[in-house]
């Protein structure tokens, strides 16, 4: 079954959103690269790579379904924050935006009776729960330590271990 025009457009918009996410996280990594917080910089770099992978999955799915990929311009990301917690708050807002966008595509696919797209999106729905939890966990740690430099150092060290087994 060929993708409907509406679903194809929504998937292209999601590719753009995922690429903008990667770019936003790269902007956050650039901010942290100018600070002593190497762990936070690593966390944001890893997140940026993850978002690129998500964009690639949407790209490949669109191609596999015979759709036309229409890449769009990316917005310039923020790369200045007052404090580490502000970057993570921006991250959470962005993840919530991505979650809502995926849910809208799922609803559209349901209305179009595009069960293949609904199945494809299931992984992303689950992934967004993990994404939001990961950022919320970091925010909770940052809120707990406040401006305590020793605490910030420890949270930064924790963030830098992300992805290690």
Protein backbone atom coordinates (compact mmCIF):
# COMPACT_ATOMS: atom_id res chain seq x y z
CA UNK A 1 0.00 0.00 0.00
CA UNK A 2 1.36 3.40 -0.99
CA UNK A 3 1.69 6.12 1.60
CA UNK A 4 -0.98 8.78 1.57
CA UNK A 5 0.14 12.31 0.77
CA UNK A 6 -0.65 13.36 4.34
CA UNK A 7 1.40 10.58 5.92
CA UNK A 8 4.28 11.19 3.52
CA UNK A 9 4.32 14.89 4.47
CA UNK A 10 4.13 14.07 8.18
CA UNK A 11 7.06 11.66 7.87
CA UNK A 12 9.11 14.27 6.00
CA UNK A 13 8.29 16.80 8.72
CA UNK A 14 9.45 14.26 11.30
CA UNK A 15 12.74 13.76 9.48
CA UNK A 16 13.23 17.52 9.75
CA UNK A 17 12.29 17.52 13.43
CA UNK A 18 14.72 14.69 14.17
CA UNK A 19 17.51 16.48 12.29
CA UNK A 20 16.68 19.69 14.15
CA UNK A 21 16.87 17.66 17.37
CA UNK A 22 20.34 16.44 16.46
CA UNK A 23 21.35 20.01 15.66
CA UNK A 24 19.84 21.31 18.92
CA UNK A 25 21.81 18.75 20.93
CA UNK A 26 24.95 19.66 19.01
CA UNK A 27 24.33 23.29 20.01
CA UNK A 28 24.03 22.19 23.63
CA UNK A 29 27.25 20.19 23.27
CA UNK A 30 28.93 23.34 21.88
CA UNK A 31 27.78 25.26 24.97
CA UNK A 32 29.17 22.60 27.31
CA UNK A 33 32.42 22.41 25.31
CA UNK A 34 33.09 25.99 26.45
CA UNK A 35 32.66 25.02 30.10
CA UNK A 36 34.42 22.59 32.45
CA UNK A 37 31.46 20.19 32.05
CA UNK A 38 32.96 17.57 29.72
CA UNK A 39 30.49 14.94 30.93
CA UNK A 40 27.49 17.05 29.93
CA UNK A 41 29.16 17.74 26.56
CA UNK A 42 29.57 13.99 26.01
CA UNK A 43 25.94 13.37 27.02
CA UNK A 44 24.72 15.93 24.47
CA UNK A 45 27.01 14.58 21.71
CA UNK A 46 25.63 11.09 22.24
CA UNK A 47 22.10 12.45 22.18
CA UNK A 48 22.81 14.27 18.92
CA UNK A 49 24.02 11.03 17.32
CA UNK A 50 20.92 9.21 18.55
CA UNK A 51 18.68 11.82 16.93
CA UNK A 52 20.56 11.45 13.64
CA UNK A 53 19.86 7.74 13.83
CA UNK A 54 16.17 8.43 14.36
CA UNK A 55 16.10 10.72 11.31
CA UNK A 56 17.77 7.97 9.28
CA UNK A 57 15.11 5.44 10.36
CA UNK A 58 12.33 7.78 9.19
CA UNK A 59 14.24 8.45 5.94
CA UNK A 60 14.68 4.73 5.24
CA UNK A 61 11.06 3.94 6.07
CA UNK A 62 9.83 6.66 3.73
CA UNK A 63 12.01 5.29 0.92
CA UNK A 64 10.97 1.70 1.66
CA UNK A 65 7.32 2.69 1.35
CA UNK A 66 7.90 4.37 -2.02
CA UNK A 67 7.57 7.89 -0.65
CA UNK A 68 9.55 10.93 -1.72
CA UNK A 69 12.03 12.34 0.79
CA UNK A 70 11.87 16.15 0.91
CA UNK A 71 14.61 17.53 3.11
CA UNK A 72 14.03 20.94 4.66
CA UNK A 73 16.25 23.67 6.08
CA UNK A 74 17.41 23.37 9.68
CA UNK A 75 16.97 26.12 12.23
CA UNK A 76 20.05 27.51 13.96
CA UNK A 77 20.26 25.87 17.39
CA UNK A 78 20.76 27.67 20.67
CA UNK A 79 24.29 27.34 21.99
CA UNK A 80 24.23 29.61 25.04
CA UNK A 81 22.62 28.85 28.38
CA UNK A 82 22.83 30.42 31.83
CA UNK A 83 23.51 27.12 33.58
CA UNK A 84 23.62 23.38 32.86
CA UNK A 85 20.08 22.93 34.15
CA UNK A 86 18.80 25.38 31.54
CA UNK A 87 20.21 23.23 28.73
CA UNK A 88 18.54 20.15 30.19
CA UNK A 89 15.25 22.00 30.58
CA UNK A 90 15.46 22.94 26.90
CA UNK A 91 16.23 19.29 26.15
CA UNK A 92 13.11 18.13 27.96
CA UNK A 93 10.93 20.64 26.13
CA UNK A 94 12.37 19.44 22.85
CA UNK A 95 11.80 15.77 23.68
CA UNK A 96 8.20 16.53 24.63
CA UNK A 97 7.76 18.28 21.27
CA UNK A 98 9.14 15.23 19.47
CA UNK A 99 6.87 12.89 21.46
CA UNK A 100 3.81 14.96 20.57
CA UNK A 101 4.79 15.01 16.88
CA UNK A 102 5.16 11.22 16.77
CA UNK A 103 1.81 10.79 18.51
CA UNK A 104 0.19 13.06 15.88
CA UNK A 105 1.66 10.95 13.07
CA UNK A 106 0.37 7.82 14.80
CA UNK A 107 -3.12 9.35 15.01
CA UNK A 108 -2.91 10.33 11.33
CA UNK A 109 -1.80 6.83 10.35
CA UNK A 110 -4.72 5.40 12.32
CA UNK A 111 -7.19 7.70 10.56
CA UNK A 112 -5.65 6.73 7.19
CA UNK A 113 -5.75 3.03 8.14
CA UNK A 114 -2.01 2.88 7.51
CA UNK A 115 -1.24 -0.01 9.84
CA UNK A 116 2.32 -0.41 8.58
CA UNK A 117 3.18 3.14 9.64
CA UNK A 118 1.48 2.58 12.98
CA UNK A 119 3.64 -0.50 13.50
CA UNK A 120 6.77 1.42 12.48
CA UNK A 121 5.96 4.23 14.91
CA UNK A 122 5.54 1.88 17.89
CA UNK A 123 9.31 1.75 18.41
CA UNK A 124 9.48 5.56 18.43
CA UNK A 125 6.62 5.86 20.91
CA UNK A 126 8.50 3.55 23.29
CA UNK A 127 11.80 5.30 22.60
CA UNK A 128 10.33 8.70 23.49
CA UNK A 129 9.29 7.39 26.90
CA UNK A 130 12.95 6.46 27.46
CA UNK A 131 14.18 9.79 26.07
CA UNK A 132 11.96 11.86 28.36
CA UNK A 133 12.86 9.70 31.37
CA UNK A 134 16.56 10.09 30.68
CA UNK A 135 16.31 13.88 30.56
CA UNK A 136 13.99 13.97 33.58
CA UNK A 137 16.50 11.90 35.55
CA UNK A 138 19.27 14.38 34.71
CA UNK A 139 17.02 17.31 35.63
CA UNK A 140 16.18 15.71 38.97
CA UNK A 141 19.89 15.33 39.75
CA UNK A 142 20.60 18.92 38.73
CA UNK A 143 17.69 20.24 40.79
CA UNK A 144 18.91 18.22 43.77
CA UNK A 145 22.41 19.70 43.70
CA UNK A 146 21.38 23.24 42.75
CA UNK A 147 24.43 25.51 42.58
CA UNK A 148 26.60 23.23 44.72
CA UNK A 149 29.83 22.97 42.72
CA UNK A 150 30.78 19.61 44.20
CA UNK A 151 27.36 18.25 43.34
CA UNK A 152 27.51 19.66 39.81
CA UNK A 153 30.91 18.03 39.37
CA UNK A 154 29.48 14.66 40.41
CA UNK A 155 26.45 14.97 38.13
CA UNK A 156 28.75 15.95 35.25
CA UNK A 157 30.87 12.86 35.93
CA UNK A 158 27.71 10.75 35.97
CA UNK A 159 26.55 12.25 32.66
CA UNK A 160 29.93 11.49 31.10
CA UNK A 161 29.50 7.79 31.82
CA UNK A 162 26.37 7.61 29.66
CA UNK A 163 26.57 4.73 27.24
CA UNK A 164 29.20 2.83 29.17
CA UNK A 165 28.35 -0.73 30.09
